[in-house]
Amino acid sequence: MKAHIEWVERVDTNIKRKTRITFLGNKQIKWQFKRSDQETWDYDSKPTIKEWEFLESKAWALYQRNRLSFKNLELIRNHKNNL
């Protein structure tokens, strides 16, 4: 399944961290993280409140450009509000 949302941020001077969000079914959001200094993806780390807020703002921008469904935007908002 194609990742719906992803971004890269710099964690340290030489290390980047990629975050990938995939929507599974109707009510699940899968978070994946990969640092440039690691070989495998991390599926177990919990996203921070800051990451949820960034995802919500990114999802809103994608929704406004018709690149994300309203259903997925609401799913993100509901998960964020239930933290």
PDB file of N, CA and C in Angstrom:
ATOM      1  N   MET A   1       0.837  -1.177   0.000  1.00  0.00           N
ATOM      2  CA  MET A   1       0.000   0.000   0.000  1.00  0.00           C
ATOM      3  C   MET A   1       0.887   1.247   0.000  1.00  0.00           C
ATOM      4  N   LYS A   2       0.513   2.210  -0.751  1.00  0.00           N
ATOM      5  CA  LYS A   2       1.283   3.440  -0.871  1.00  0.00           C
ATOM      6  C   LYS A   2       1.149   4.295   0.394  1.00  0.00           C
ATOM      7  N   ALA A   3       2.243   4.905   0.806  1.00  0.00           N
ATOM      8  CA  ALA A   3       2.193   5.813   1.950  1.00  0.00           C
ATOM      9  C   ALA A   3       1.419   7.058   1.558  1.00  0.00           C
ATOM     10  N   HIS A   4       0.559   7.498   2.422  1.00  0.00           N
ATOM     11  CA  HIS A   4      -0.251   8.664   2.108  1.00  0.00           C
ATOM     12  C   HIS A   4       0.451   9.965   2.459  1.00  0.00           C
ATOM     13  N   ILE A   5       1.185   9.975   3.559  1.00  0.00           N
ATOM     14  CA  ILE A   5       1.863  11.188   3.992  1.00  0.00           C
ATOM     15  C   ILE A   5       3.253  10.815   4.486  1.00  0.00           C
ATOM     16  N   GLU A   6       4.257  11.601   4.113  1.00  0.00           N
ATOM     17  CA  GLU A   6       5.589  11.403   4.669  1.00  0.00           C
ATOM     18  C   GLU A   6       6.375  12.695   4.634  1.00  0.00           C
ATOM     19  N   TRP A   7       7.330  12.795   5.541  1.00  0.00           N
ATOM     20  CA  TRP A   7       8.194  13.966   5.605  1.00  0.00           C
ATOM     21  C   TRP A   7       9.532  13.570   6.194  1.00  0.00           C
ATOM     22  N   VAL A   8      10.526  14.434   5.991  1.00  0.00           N
ATOM     23  CA  VAL A   8      11.876  14.219   6.503  1.00  0.00           C
ATOM     24  C   VAL A   8      12.267  15.419   7.340  1.00  0.00           C
ATOM     25  N   GLU A   9      12.858  15.135   8.483  1.00  0.00           N
ATOM     26  CA  GLU A   9      13.353  16.212   9.336  1.00  0.00           C
ATOM     27  C   GLU A   9      14.785  15.883   9.756  1.00  0.00           C
ATOM     28  N   ARG A  10      15.544  16.902  10.028  1.00  0.00           N
ATOM     29  CA  ARG A  10      16.922  16.717  10.452  1.00  0.00           C
ATOM     30  C   ARG A  10      16.950  16.606  11.968  1.00  0.00           C
ATOM     31  N   VAL A  11      17.486  15.476  12.460  1.00  0.00           N
ATOM     32  CA  VAL A  11      17.556  15.221  13.892  1.00  0.00           C
ATOM     33  C   VAL A  11      18.876  15.741  14.463  1.00  0.00           C
ATOM     34  N   ASP A  12      19.916  15.574  13.697  1.00  0.00           N
ATOM     35  CA  ASP A  12      21.253  15.991  14.104  1.00  0.00           C
ATOM     36  C   ASP A  12      21.943  16.541  12.859  1.00  0.00           C
ATOM     37  N   THR A  13      23.156  16.980  13.000  1.00  0.00           N
ATOM     38  CA  THR A  13      23.869  17.582  11.877  1.00  0.00           C
ATOM     39  C   THR A  13      23.907  16.659  10.661  1.00  0.00           C
ATOM     40  N   ASN A  14      24.197  15.391  10.875  1.00  0.00           N
ATOM     41  CA  ASN A  14      24.339  14.454   9.757  1.00  0.00           C
ATOM     42  C   ASN A  14      23.249  13.390   9.711  1.00  0.00           C
ATOM     43  N   ILE A  15      22.233  13.511  10.539  1.00  0.00           N
ATOM     44  CA  ILE A  15      21.212  12.472  10.620  1.00  0.00           C
ATOM     45  C   ILE A  15      19.839  13.043  10.278  1.00  0.00           C
ATOM     46  N   LYS A  16      19.180  12.366   9.343  1.00  0.00           N
ATOM     47  CA  LYS A  16      17.811  12.722   8.975  1.00  0.00           C
ATOM     48  C   LYS A  16      16.875  11.628   9.475  1.00  0.00           C
ATOM     49  N   ARG A  17      15.643  12.018   9.742  1.00  0.00           N
ATOM     50  CA  ARG A  17      14.638  11.059  10.193  1.00  0.00           C
ATOM     51  C   ARG A  17      13.413  11.178   9.292  1.00  0.00           C
ATOM     52  N   LYS A  18      13.074  10.080   8.665  1.00  0.00           N
ATOM     53  CA  LYS A  18      11.911  10.044   7.779  1.00  0.00           C
ATOM     54  C   LYS A  18      10.725   9.492   8.560  1.00  0.00           C
ATOM     55  N   THR A  19       9.575  10.160   8.418  1.00  0.00           N
ATOM     56  CA  THR A  19       8.339   9.717   9.042  1.00  0.00           C
ATOM     57  C   THR A  19       7.348   9.410   7.937  1.00  0.00           C
ATOM     58  N   ARG A  20       6.717   8.249   8.046  1.00  0.00           N
ATOM     59  CA  ARG A  20       5.754   7.814   7.037  1.00  0.00           C
ATOM     60  C   ARG A  20       4.446   7.435   7.727  1.00  0.00           C
ATOM     61  N   ILE A  21       3.351   7.950   7.198  1.00  0.00           N
ATOM     62  CA  ILE A  21       2.018   7.665   7.727  1.00  0.00           C
ATOM     63  C   ILE A  21       1.237   6.914   6.658  1.00  0.00           C
ATOM     64  N   THR A  22       0.675   5.774   7.034  1.00  0.00           N
ATOM     65  CA  THR A  22      -0.145   4.984   6.125  1.00  0.00           C
ATOM     66  C   THR A  22      -1.492   4.745   6.789  1.00  0.00           C
ATOM     67  N   PHE A  23      -2.545   4.841   6.032  1.00  0.00           N
ATOM     68  CA  PHE A  23      -3.894   4.597   6.540  1.00  0.00           C
ATOM     69  C   PHE A  23      -4.284   3.171   6.208  1.00  0.00           C
ATOM     70  N   LEU A  24      -4.634   2.418   7.241  1.00  0.00           N
ATOM     71  CA  LEU A  24      -5.017   1.019   7.080  1.00  0.00           C
ATOM     72  C   LEU A  24      -6.485   0.871   7.422  1.00  0.00           C
ATOM     73  N   GLY A  25      -7.261   0.400   6.502  1.00  0.00           N
ATOM     74  CA  GLY A  25      -8.683   0.219   6.767  1.00  0.00           C
ATOM     75  C   GLY A  25      -9.367   1.547   7.042  1.00  0.00           C
ATOM     76  N   ASN A  26     -10.410   1.495   7.845  1.00  0.00           N
ATOM     77  CA  ASN A  26     -11.182   2.699   8.120  1.00  0.00           C
ATOM     78  C   ASN A  26     -10.721   3.452   9.358  1.00  0.00           C
ATOM     79  N   LYS A  27     -10.070   2.794  10.307  1.00  0.00           N
ATOM     80  CA  LYS A  27      -9.822   3.442  11.587  1.00  0.00           C
ATOM     81  C   LYS A  27      -8.410   3.295  12.110  1.00  0.00           C
ATOM     82  N   GLN A  28      -7.465   2.946  11.277  1.00  0.00           N
ATOM     83  CA  GLN A  28      -6.109   2.737  11.760  1.00  0.00           C
ATOM     84  C   GLN A  28      -5.122   3.646  11.036  1.00  0.00           C
ATOM     85  N   ILE A  29      -4.174   4.147  11.811  1.00  0.00           N
ATOM     86  CA  ILE A  29      -3.084   4.950  11.272  1.00  0.00           C
ATOM     87  C   ILE A  29      -1.787   4.258  11.652  1.00  0.00           C
ATOM     88  N   LYS A  30      -0.960   3.982  10.675  1.00  0.00           N
ATOM     89  CA  LYS A  30       0.314   3.313  10.922  1.00  0.00           C
ATOM     90  C   LYS A  30       1.439   4.339  10.814  1.00  0.00           C
ATOM     91  N   TRP A  31       2.199   4.499  11.897  1.00  0.00           N
ATOM     92  CA  TRP A  31       3.355   5.395  11.917  1.00  0.00           C
ATOM     93  C   TRP A  31       4.608   4.554  11.704  1.00  0.00           C
ATOM     94  N   GLN A  32       5.515   5.066  10.872  1.00  0.00           N
ATOM     95  CA  GLN A  32       6.800   4.413  10.632  1.00  0.00           C
ATOM     96  C   GLN A  32       7.889   5.479  10.685  1.00  0.00           C
ATOM     97  N   PHE A  33       9.011   5.130  11.291  1.00  0.00           N
ATOM     98  CA  PHE A  33      10.128   6.063  11.405  1.00  0.00           C
ATOM     99  C   PHE A  33      11.397   5.377  10.933  1.00  0.00           C
ATOM    100  N   LYS A  34      12.248   6.138  10.249  1.00  0.00           N
ATOM    101  CA  LYS A  34      13.547   5.601   9.828  1.00  0.00           C
ATOM    102  C   LYS A  34      14.588   6.694   9.881  1.00  0.00           C
ATOM    103  N   ARG A  35      15.618   6.441  10.647  1.00  0.00           N
ATOM    104  CA  ARG A  35      16.742   7.377  10.713  1.00  0.00           C
ATOM    105  C   ARG A  35      17.757   6.997   9.646  1.00  0.00           C
ATOM    106  N   SER A  36      18.465   7.990   9.158  1.00  0.00           N
ATOM    107  CA  SER A  36      19.439   7.728   8.090  1.00  0.00           C
ATOM    108  C   SER A  36      20.623   6.894   8.583  1.00  0.00           C
ATOM    109  N   ASP A  37      20.840   6.840   9.891  1.00  0.00           N
ATOM    110  CA  ASP A  37      21.940   6.039  10.429  1.00  0.00           C
ATOM    111  C   ASP A  37      21.500   4.631  10.835  1.00  0.00           C
ATOM    112  N   GLN A  38      20.261   4.262  10.507  1.00  0.00           N
ATOM    113  CA  GLN A  38      19.752   2.929  10.790  1.00  0.00           C
ATOM    114  C   GLN A  38      19.338   2.253   9.496  1.00  0.00           C
ATOM    115  N   GLU A  39      19.377   0.938   9.499  1.00  0.00           N
ATOM    116  CA  GLU A  39      19.054   0.190   8.287  1.00  0.00           C
ATOM    117  C   GLU A  39      17.579  -0.180   8.181  1.00  0.00           C
ATOM    118  N   THR A  40      16.900  -0.293   9.314  1.00  0.00           N
ATOM    119  CA  THR A  40      15.520  -0.776   9.296  1.00  0.00           C
ATOM    120  C   THR A  40      14.553   0.296   9.789  1.00  0.00           C
ATOM    121  N   TRP A  41      13.297   0.119   9.418  1.00  0.00           N
ATOM    122  CA  TRP A  41      12.231   1.017   9.853  1.00  0.00           C
ATOM    123  C   TRP A  41      11.826   0.681  11.279  1.00  0.00           C
ATOM    124  N   ASP A  42      11.425   1.701  12.029  1.00  0.00           N
ATOM    125  CA  ASP A  42      10.947   1.549  13.396  1.00  0.00           C
ATOM    126  C   ASP A  42       9.422   1.649  13.371  1.00  0.00           C
ATOM    127  N   TYR A  43       8.755   0.556  13.726  1.00  0.00           N
ATOM    128  CA  TYR A  43       7.295   0.516  13.734  1.00  0.00           C
ATOM    129  C   TYR A  43       6.726   0.617  15.147  1.00  0.00           C
ATOM    130  N   ASP A  44       7.582   0.619  16.159  1.00  0.00           N
ATOM    131  CA  ASP A  44       7.132   0.515  17.538  1.00  0.00           C
ATOM    132  C   ASP A  44       7.108   1.836  18.304  1.00  0.00           C
ATOM    133  N   SER A  45       7.862   2.824  17.874  1.00  0.00           N
ATOM    134  CA  SER A  45       7.903   4.102  18.591  1.00  0.00           C
ATOM    135  C   SER A  45       6.561   4.806  18.504  1.00  0.00           C
ATOM    136  N   LYS A  46       6.175   5.420  19.597  1.00  0.00           N
ATOM    137  CA  LYS A  46       4.925   6.182  19.640  1.00  0.00           C
ATOM    138  C   LYS A  46       5.194   7.613  19.189  1.00  0.00           C
ATOM    139  N   PRO A  47       4.328   8.178  18.377  1.00  0.00           N
ATOM    140  CA  PRO A  47       4.510   9.572  17.953  1.00  0.00           C
ATOM    141  C   PRO A  47       4.256  10.527  19.118  1.00  0.00           C
ATOM    142  N   THR A  48       4.974  11.626  19.126  1.00  0.00           N
ATOM    143  CA  THR A  48       4.807  12.636  20.162  1.00  0.00           C
ATOM    144  C   THR A  48       3.611  13.527  19.827  1.00  0.00           C
ATOM    145  N   ILE A  49       3.206  14.346  20.781  1.00  0.00           N
ATOM    146  CA  ILE A  49       2.123  15.312  20.546  1.00  0.00           C
ATOM    147  C   ILE A  49       2.530  16.269  19.427  1.00  0.00           C
ATOM    148  N   LYS A  50       3.786  16.681  19.435  1.00  0.00           N
ATOM    149  CA  LYS A  50       4.285  17.585  18.392  1.00  0.00           C
ATOM    150  C   LYS A  50       4.156  16.942  17.012  1.00  0.00           C
ATOM    151  N   GLU A  51       4.463  15.651  16.914  1.00  0.00           N
ATOM    152  CA  GLU A  51       4.346  14.948  15.631  1.00  0.00           C
ATOM    153  C   GLU A  51       2.886  14.822  15.201  1.00  0.00           C
ATOM    154  N   TRP A  52       1.975  14.592  16.152  1.00  0.00           N
ATOM    155  CA  TRP A  52       0.552  14.546  15.828  1.00  0.00           C
ATOM    156  C   TRP A  52       0.073  15.898  15.303  1.00  0.00           C
ATOM    157  N   GLU A  53       0.525  16.979  15.953  1.00  0.00           N
ATOM    158  CA  GLU A  53       0.126  18.320  15.521  1.00  0.00           C
ATOM    159  C   GLU A  53       0.674  18.636  14.128  1.00  0.00           C
ATOM    160  N   PHE A  54       1.927  18.230  13.871  1.00  0.00           N
ATOM    161  CA  PHE A  54       2.510  18.452  12.553  1.00  0.00           C
ATOM    162  C   PHE A  54       1.750  17.657  11.502  1.00  0.00           C
ATOM    163  N   LEU A  55       1.395  16.412  11.829  1.00  0.00           N
ATOM    164  CA  LEU A  55       0.623  15.577  10.904  1.00  0.00           C
ATOM    165  C   LEU A  55      -0.720  16.219  10.604  1.00  0.00           C
ATOM    166  N   GLU A  56      -1.374  16.753  11.619  1.00  0.00           N
ATOM    167  CA  GLU A  56      -2.670  17.390  11.401  1.00  0.00           C
ATOM    168  C   GLU A  56      -2.541  18.597  10.470  1.00  0.00           C
ATOM    169  N   SER A  57      -1.517  19.424  10.669  1.00  0.00           N
ATOM    170  CA  SER A  57      -1.342  20.599   9.797  1.00  0.00           C
ATOM    171  C   SER A  57      -0.989  20.177   8.377  1.00  0.00           C
ATOM    172  N   LYS A  58      -0.166  19.147   8.239  1.00  0.00           N
ATOM    173  CA  LYS A  58       0.192  18.647   6.916  1.00  0.00           C
ATOM    174  C   LYS A  58      -1.027  18.031   6.221  1.00  0.00           C
ATOM    175  N   ALA A  59      -1.833  17.301   6.986  1.00  0.00           N
ATOM    176  CA  ALA A  59      -3.036  16.681   6.429  1.00  0.00           C
ATOM    177  C   ALA A  59      -4.035  17.745   5.989  1.00  0.00           C
ATOM    178  N   TRP A  60      -4.167  18.816   6.756  1.00  0.00           N
ATOM    179  CA  TRP A  60      -5.082  19.901   6.392  1.00  0.00           C
ATOM    180  C   TRP A  60      -4.643  20.529   5.065  1.00  0.00           C
ATOM    181  N   ALA A  61      -3.346  20.749   4.906  1.00  0.00           N
ATOM    182  CA  ALA A  61      -2.834  21.320   3.654  1.00  0.00           C
ATOM    183  C   ALA A  61      -3.103  20.377   2.481  1.00  0.00           C
ATOM    184  N   LEU A  62      -2.915  19.080   2.686  1.00  0.00           N
ATOM    185  CA  LEU A  62      -3.181  18.110   1.628  1.00  0.00           C
ATOM    186  C   LEU A  62      -4.675  18.044   1.307  1.00  0.00           C
ATOM    187  N   TYR A  63      -5.509  18.116   2.319  1.00  0.00           N
ATOM    188  CA  TYR A  63      -6.957  18.084   2.110  1.00  0.00           C
ATOM    189  C   TYR A  63      -7.410  19.287   1.277  1.00  0.00           C
ATOM    190  N   GLN A  64      -6.863  20.460   1.562  1.00  0.00           N
ATOM    191  CA  GLN A  64      -7.247  21.662   0.823  1.00  0.00           C
ATOM    192  C   GLN A  64      -6.889  21.563  -0.656  1.00  0.00           C
ATOM    193  N   ARG A  65      -5.882  20.769  -0.980  1.00  0.00           N
ATOM    194  CA  ARG A  65      -5.484  20.588  -2.380  1.00  0.00           C
ATOM    195  C   ARG A  65      -6.058  19.302  -2.978  1.00  0.00           C
ATOM    196  N   ASN A  66      -7.059  18.718  -2.307  1.00  0.00           N
ATOM    197  CA  ASN A  66      -7.704  17.478  -2.764  1.00  0.00           C
ATOM    198  C   ASN A  66      -6.732  16.320  -2.916  1.00  0.00           C
ATOM    199  N   ARG A  67      -5.744  16.250  -2.022  1.00  0.00           N
ATOM    200  CA  ARG A  67      -4.784  15.152  -2.070  1.00  0.00           C
ATOM    201  C   ARG A  67      -4.957  14.195  -0.902  1.00  0.00           C
ATOM    202  N   LEU A  68      -5.941  14.497  -0.026  1.00  0.00           N
ATOM    203  CA  LEU A  68      -6.250  13.645   1.114  1.00  0.00           C
ATOM    204  C   LEU A  68      -7.758  13.704   1.336  1.00  0.00           C
ATOM    205  N   SER A  69      -8.342  12.579   1.661  1.00  0.00           N
ATOM    206  CA  SER A  69      -9.799  12.554   1.860  1.00  0.00           C
ATOM    207  C   SER A  69     -10.174  13.177   3.205  1.00  0.00           C
ATOM    208  N   PHE A  70     -11.393  13.668   3.277  1.00  0.00           N
ATOM    209  CA  PHE A  70     -11.900  14.237   4.522  1.00  0.00           C
ATOM    210  C   PHE A  70     -11.965  13.160   5.600  1.00  0.00           C
ATOM    211  N   LYS A  71     -12.272  11.936   5.207  1.00  0.00           N
ATOM    212  CA  LYS A  71     -12.332  10.800   6.132  1.00  0.00           C
ATOM    213  C   LYS A  71     -10.993  10.613   6.849  1.00  0.00           C
ATOM    214  N   ASN A  72      -9.888  10.684   6.095  1.00  0.00           N
ATOM    215  CA  ASN A  72      -8.571  10.519   6.703  1.00  0.00           C
ATOM    216  C   ASN A  72      -8.186  11.725   7.555  1.00  0.00           C
ATOM    217  N   LEU A  73      -8.580  12.918   7.150  1.00  0.00           N
ATOM    218  CA  LEU A  73      -8.332  14.110   7.959  1.00  0.00           C
ATOM    219  C   LEU A  73      -9.052  13.991   9.295  1.00  0.00           C
ATOM    220  N   GLU A  74     -10.304  13.573   9.284  1.00  0.00           N
ATOM    221  CA  GLU A  74     -11.062  13.391  10.521  1.00  0.00           C
ATOM    222  C   GLU A  74     -10.471  12.274  11.379  1.00  0.00           C
ATOM    223  N   LEU A  75      -9.982  11.225  10.761  1.00  0.00           N
ATOM    224  CA  LEU A  75      -9.350  10.130  11.490  1.00  0.00           C
ATOM    225  C   LEU A  75      -8.134  10.641  12.259  1.00  0.00           C
ATOM    226  N   ILE A  76      -7.324  11.467  11.613  1.00  0.00           N
ATOM    227  CA  ILE A  76      -6.151  12.051  12.270  1.00  0.00           C
ATOM    228  C   ILE A  76      -6.587  12.930  13.442  1.00  0.00           C
ATOM    229  N   ARG A  77      -7.564  13.776  13.214  1.00  0.00           N
ATOM    230  CA  ARG A  77      -8.040  14.667  14.283  1.00  0.00           C
ATOM    231  C   ARG A  77      -8.601  13.884  15.459  1.00  0.00           C
ATOM    232  N   ASN A  78      -9.364  12.828  15.185  1.00  0.00           N
ATOM    233  CA  ASN A  78      -9.943  12.022  16.265  1.00  0.00           C
ATOM    234  C   ASN A  78      -8.862  11.332  17.077  1.00  0.00           C
ATOM    235  N   HIS A  79      -7.861  10.756  16.411  1.00  0.00           N
ATOM    236  CA  HIS A  79      -6.764  10.099  17.130  1.00  0.00           C
ATOM    237  C   HIS A  79      -5.990  11.114  17.968  1.00  0.00           C
ATOM    238  N   LYS A  80      -5.731  12.269  17.398  1.00  0.00           N
ATOM    239  CA  LYS A  80      -4.973  13.304  18.121  1.00  0.00           C
ATOM    240  C   LYS A  80      -5.737  13.781  19.347  1.00  0.00           C
ATOM    241  N   ASN A  81      -7.036  13.966  19.219  1.00  0.00           N
ATOM    242  CA  ASN A  81      -7.845  14.444  20.341  1.00  0.00           C
ATOM    243  C   ASN A  81      -8.030  13.412  21.437  1.00  0.00           C
ATOM    244  N   ASN A  82      -7.830  12.134  21.123  1.00  0.00           N
ATOM    245  CA  ASN A  82      -7.998  11.069  22.109  1.00  0.00           C
ATOM    246  C   ASN A  82      -6.706  10.714  22.832  1.00  0.00           C
ATOM    247  N   LEU A  83      -5.664  11.483  22.644  1.00  0.00           N
ATOM    248  CA  LEU A  83      -4.393  11.198  23.331  1.00  0.00           C
ATOM    249  C   LEU A  83      -4.457  11.545  24.792  1.00  0.00           C
TER     250      LEU A  83
END
